[in-house]
């Protein structure tokens, strides 16, 4: 069972940028579809983006398309989420997750259905 650790969260002003990292405990991160999600207090968890194991397919939610970019470096067992033009409504706990089924199972479901989750990293956008 893969273990995931998120990092890179923090406090940033509106319009700023942050890069989140999701690092795996094993060297086989490349076999998993990886997704980024967030949950704000009092709100449901929201799928933001996911990337195929082969790094050839991505999916973005409408709320982050054009502002966030997902990427992966399998050799470093790490997936990134570059977040630009941040808004106060982006404030949330951000989680990465891994799915071990075939890539399109998750990408065609808006990144939902992943099996393994990290503990999250807090992102706060405020002036």
C-alpha atoms as a PDB file:
ATOM      1  CA  UNK A   1       0.000   0.000   0.000  1.00  0.00           C
ATOM      2  CA  UNK A   2       1.534   3.280  -1.097  1.00  0.00           C
ATOM      3  CA  UNK A   3       1.850   6.050   1.482  1.00  0.00           C
ATOM      4  CA  UNK A   4       1.606   9.653   0.340  1.00  0.00           C
ATOM      5  CA  UNK A   5       2.885  12.852   1.956  1.00  0.00           C
ATOM      6  CA  UNK A   6       1.845  16.316   0.834  1.00  0.00           C
ATOM      7  CA  UNK A   7       3.976  19.420   1.349  1.00  0.00           C
ATOM      8  CA  UNK A   8       4.237  22.988   0.125  1.00  0.00           C
ATOM      9  CA  UNK A   9       1.126  24.489   1.667  1.00  0.00           C
ATOM     10  CA  UNK A  10       1.113  27.759   3.534  1.00  0.00           C
ATOM     11  CA  UNK A  11      -0.187  31.320   3.606  1.00  0.00           C
ATOM     12  CA  UNK A  12      -0.143  33.351   0.395  1.00  0.00           C
ATOM     13  CA  UNK A  13      -1.757  36.590  -0.706  1.00  0.00           C
ATOM     14  CA  UNK A  14      -4.433  36.812  -3.405  1.00  0.00           C
ATOM     15  CA  UNK A  15      -2.872  36.500  -6.837  1.00  0.00           C
ATOM     16  CA  UNK A  16       0.083  34.591  -5.466  1.00  0.00           C
ATOM     17  CA  UNK A  17       1.400  31.137  -6.286  1.00  0.00           C
ATOM     18  CA  UNK A  18       2.255  27.966  -4.452  1.00  0.00           C
ATOM     19  CA  UNK A  19       3.588  24.604  -5.564  1.00  0.00           C
ATOM     20  CA  UNK A  20       2.362  21.555  -3.708  1.00  0.00           C
ATOM     21  CA  UNK A  21       4.271  18.287  -3.750  1.00  0.00           C
ATOM     22  CA  UNK A  22       3.000  14.763  -3.221  1.00  0.00           C
ATOM     23  CA  UNK A  23       5.753  12.290  -2.438  1.00  0.00           C
ATOM     24  CA  UNK A  24       5.314   8.545  -2.276  1.00  0.00           C
ATOM     25  CA  UNK A  25       6.851   6.122   0.165  1.00  0.00           C
ATOM     26  CA  UNK A  26       7.836   3.674  -2.533  1.00  0.00           C
ATOM     27  CA  UNK A  27       9.667   3.871  -5.818  1.00  0.00           C
ATOM     28  CA  UNK A  28       6.699   2.640  -7.850  1.00  0.00           C
ATOM     29  CA  UNK A  29       4.704   5.886  -7.883  1.00  0.00           C
ATOM     30  CA  UNK A  30       4.828   5.634 -11.660  1.00  0.00           C
ATOM     31  CA  UNK A  31       2.231   2.854 -11.689  1.00  0.00           C
ATOM     32  CA  UNK A  32      -0.454   4.996 -10.045  1.00  0.00           C
ATOM     33  CA  UNK A  33      -2.830   7.619 -11.316  1.00  0.00           C
ATOM     34  CA  UNK A  34      -2.400  10.580  -8.958  1.00  0.00           C
ATOM     35  CA  UNK A  35      -4.955  13.214  -8.127  1.00  0.00           C
ATOM     36  CA  UNK A  36      -5.210  16.418  -6.123  1.00  0.00           C
ATOM     37  CA  UNK A  37      -8.276  17.259  -4.071  1.00  0.00           C
ATOM     38  CA  UNK A  38      -9.277  19.891  -1.556  1.00  0.00           C
ATOM     39  CA  UNK A  39     -11.785  20.353   1.199  1.00  0.00           C
ATOM     40  CA  UNK A  40     -12.752  23.637   2.786  1.00  0.00           C
ATOM     41  CA  UNK A  41     -14.483  23.797   6.172  1.00  0.00           C
ATOM     42  CA  UNK A  42     -18.166  23.001   5.830  1.00  0.00           C
ATOM     43  CA  UNK A  43     -17.809  21.958   2.194  1.00  0.00           C
ATOM     44  CA  UNK A  44     -17.566  18.654   0.382  1.00  0.00           C
ATOM     45  CA  UNK A  45     -14.272  17.380  -0.925  1.00  0.00           C
ATOM     46  CA  UNK A  46     -13.591  18.646  -4.436  1.00  0.00           C
ATOM     47  CA  UNK A  47     -11.521  16.888  -7.091  1.00  0.00           C
ATOM     48  CA  UNK A  48      -9.149  19.361  -8.730  1.00  0.00           C
ATOM     49  CA  UNK A  49      -6.869  17.520 -11.108  1.00  0.00           C
ATOM     50  CA  UNK A  50      -5.342  14.152 -11.866  1.00  0.00           C
ATOM     51  CA  UNK A  51      -2.573  12.780 -14.045  1.00  0.00           C
ATOM     52  CA  UNK A  52      -2.133   9.373 -15.632  1.00  0.00           C
ATOM     53  CA  UNK A  53       0.618   6.991 -14.579  1.00  0.00           C
ATOM     54  CA  UNK A  54       2.339   7.445 -17.937  1.00  0.00           C
ATOM     55  CA  UNK A  55       2.130  11.240 -17.708  1.00  0.00           C
ATOM     56  CA  UNK A  56       0.179  11.430 -20.964  1.00  0.00           C
ATOM     57  CA  UNK A  57      -3.301  12.395 -19.760  1.00  0.00           C
ATOM     58  CA  UNK A  58      -4.559  15.018 -17.357  1.00  0.00           C
ATOM     59  CA  UNK A  59      -7.907  16.227 -16.131  1.00  0.00           C
ATOM     60  CA  UNK A  60      -8.796  19.538 -14.487  1.00  0.00           C
ATOM     61  CA  UNK A  61     -11.942  20.732 -12.807  1.00  0.00           C
ATOM     62  CA  UNK A  62     -13.502  23.897 -14.168  1.00  0.00           C
ATOM     63  CA  UNK A  63     -12.701  25.715 -10.943  1.00  0.00           C
ATOM     64  CA  UNK A  64      -8.920  25.433 -11.468  1.00  0.00           C
ATOM     65  CA  UNK A  65      -8.510  24.976 -15.223  1.00  0.00           C
ATOM     66  CA  UNK A  66      -6.101  27.601 -16.546  1.00  0.00           C
ATOM     67  CA  UNK A  67      -4.723  28.412 -13.090  1.00  0.00           C
ATOM     68  CA  UNK A  68      -3.386  25.096 -11.739  1.00  0.00           C
ATOM     69  CA  UNK A  69      -0.987  22.714 -13.471  1.00  0.00           C
ATOM     70  CA  UNK A  70      -0.369  19.115 -12.463  1.00  0.00           C
ATOM     71  CA  UNK A  71       2.892  17.375 -13.300  1.00  0.00           C
ATOM     72  CA  UNK A  72       4.903  14.391 -12.172  1.00  0.00           C
ATOM     73  CA  UNK A  73       8.487  13.233 -11.867  1.00  0.00           C
ATOM     74  CA  UNK A  74       8.302   9.500 -11.426  1.00  0.00           C
ATOM     75  CA  UNK A  75      12.052   9.264 -10.924  1.00  0.00           C
ATOM     76  CA  UNK A  76      11.592  11.414  -7.804  1.00  0.00           C
ATOM     77  CA  UNK A  77       8.368   9.657  -6.755  1.00  0.00           C
ATOM     78  CA  UNK A  78       6.692  13.048  -6.731  1.00  0.00           C
ATOM     79  CA  UNK A  79       3.656  14.701  -8.259  1.00  0.00           C
ATOM     80  CA  UNK A  80       3.271  18.473  -8.197  1.00  0.00           C
ATOM     81  CA  UNK A  81       0.402  20.909  -8.284  1.00  0.00           C
ATOM     82  CA  UNK A  82       1.470  24.381  -9.392  1.00  0.00           C
ATOM     83  CA  UNK A  83      -1.176  26.823  -8.250  1.00  0.00           C
ATOM     84  CA  UNK A  84      -1.226  30.300  -9.768  1.00  0.00           C
ATOM     85  CA  UNK A  85      -3.526  33.317  -9.464  1.00  0.00           C
ATOM     86  CA  UNK A  86      -4.723  32.084  -6.098  1.00  0.00           C
ATOM     87  CA  UNK A  87      -7.985  33.391  -4.709  1.00  0.00           C
ATOM     88  CA  UNK A  88      -9.355  33.465  -1.154  1.00  0.00           C
ATOM     89  CA  UNK A  89     -11.853  30.784  -2.189  1.00  0.00           C
ATOM     90  CA  UNK A  90      -8.921  28.441  -2.858  1.00  0.00           C
ATOM     91  CA  UNK A  91      -8.359  28.266   0.892  1.00  0.00           C
ATOM     92  CA  UNK A  92      -8.699  24.631   1.946  1.00  0.00           C
ATOM     93  CA  UNK A  93      -6.891  21.505   3.026  1.00  0.00           C
ATOM     94  CA  UNK A  94      -5.288  19.985  -0.044  1.00  0.00           C
ATOM     95  CA  UNK A  95      -4.858  16.238  -0.432  1.00  0.00           C
ATOM     96  CA  UNK A  96      -3.200  13.992  -2.950  1.00  0.00           C
ATOM     97  CA  UNK A  97      -4.429  10.508  -3.694  1.00  0.00           C
ATOM     98  CA  UNK A  98      -3.315   7.501  -5.703  1.00  0.00           C
ATOM     99  CA  UNK A  99      -5.337   5.095  -7.787  1.00  0.00           C
ATOM    100  CA  UNK A 100      -4.063   1.699  -8.822  1.00  0.00           C
ATOM    101  CA  UNK A 101      -6.625   0.819 -11.476  1.00  0.00           C
ATOM    102  CA  UNK A 102      -6.283   1.778 -15.143  1.00  0.00           C
ATOM    103  CA  UNK A 103      -5.867   5.520 -15.756  1.00  0.00           C
ATOM    104  CA  UNK A 104      -9.114   6.182 -17.609  1.00  0.00           C
ATOM    105  CA  UNK A 105     -11.130   4.706 -14.733  1.00  0.00           C
ATOM    106  CA  UNK A 106     -10.252   7.837 -12.756  1.00  0.00           C
ATOM    107  CA  UNK A 107      -9.886  10.406 -15.524  1.00  0.00           C
ATOM    108  CA  UNK A 108     -13.343   9.602 -16.920  1.00  0.00           C
ATOM    109  CA  UNK A 109     -14.784   9.953 -13.427  1.00  0.00           C
ATOM    110  CA  UNK A 110     -13.382  13.410 -12.808  1.00  0.00           C
ATOM    111  CA  UNK A 111     -10.496  11.940 -10.804  1.00  0.00           C
ATOM    112  CA  UNK A 112     -12.803  10.339  -8.238  1.00  0.00           C
ATOM    113  CA  UNK A 113     -12.496   6.816  -6.848  1.00  0.00           C
ATOM    114  CA  UNK A 114      -8.843   6.747  -5.761  1.00  0.00           C
ATOM    115  CA  UNK A 115      -7.847   4.334  -3.039  1.00  0.00           C
ATOM    116  CA  UNK A 116      -4.882   5.801  -1.186  1.00  0.00           C
ATOM    117  CA  UNK A 117      -4.754   9.204   0.476  1.00  0.00           C
ATOM    118  CA  UNK A 118      -2.275  11.520   2.144  1.00  0.00           C
ATOM    119  CA  UNK A 119      -2.946  13.486   5.317  1.00  0.00           C
ATOM    120  CA  UNK A 120      -3.148  16.839   3.555  1.00  0.00           C
ATOM    121  CA  UNK A 121      -1.474  20.242   3.580  1.00  0.00           C
ATOM    122  CA  UNK A 122      -3.231  23.510   4.428  1.00  0.00           C
ATOM    123  CA  UNK A 123      -3.406  26.324   1.894  1.00  0.00           C
ATOM    124  CA  UNK A 124      -4.629  29.725   3.047  1.00  0.00           C
ATOM    125  CA  UNK A 125      -5.097  32.604   0.630  1.00  0.00           C
ATOM    126  CA  UNK A 126      -5.536  35.857   2.471  1.00  0.00           C
ATOM    127  CA  UNK A 127      -4.263  39.405   2.531  1.00  0.00           C
END
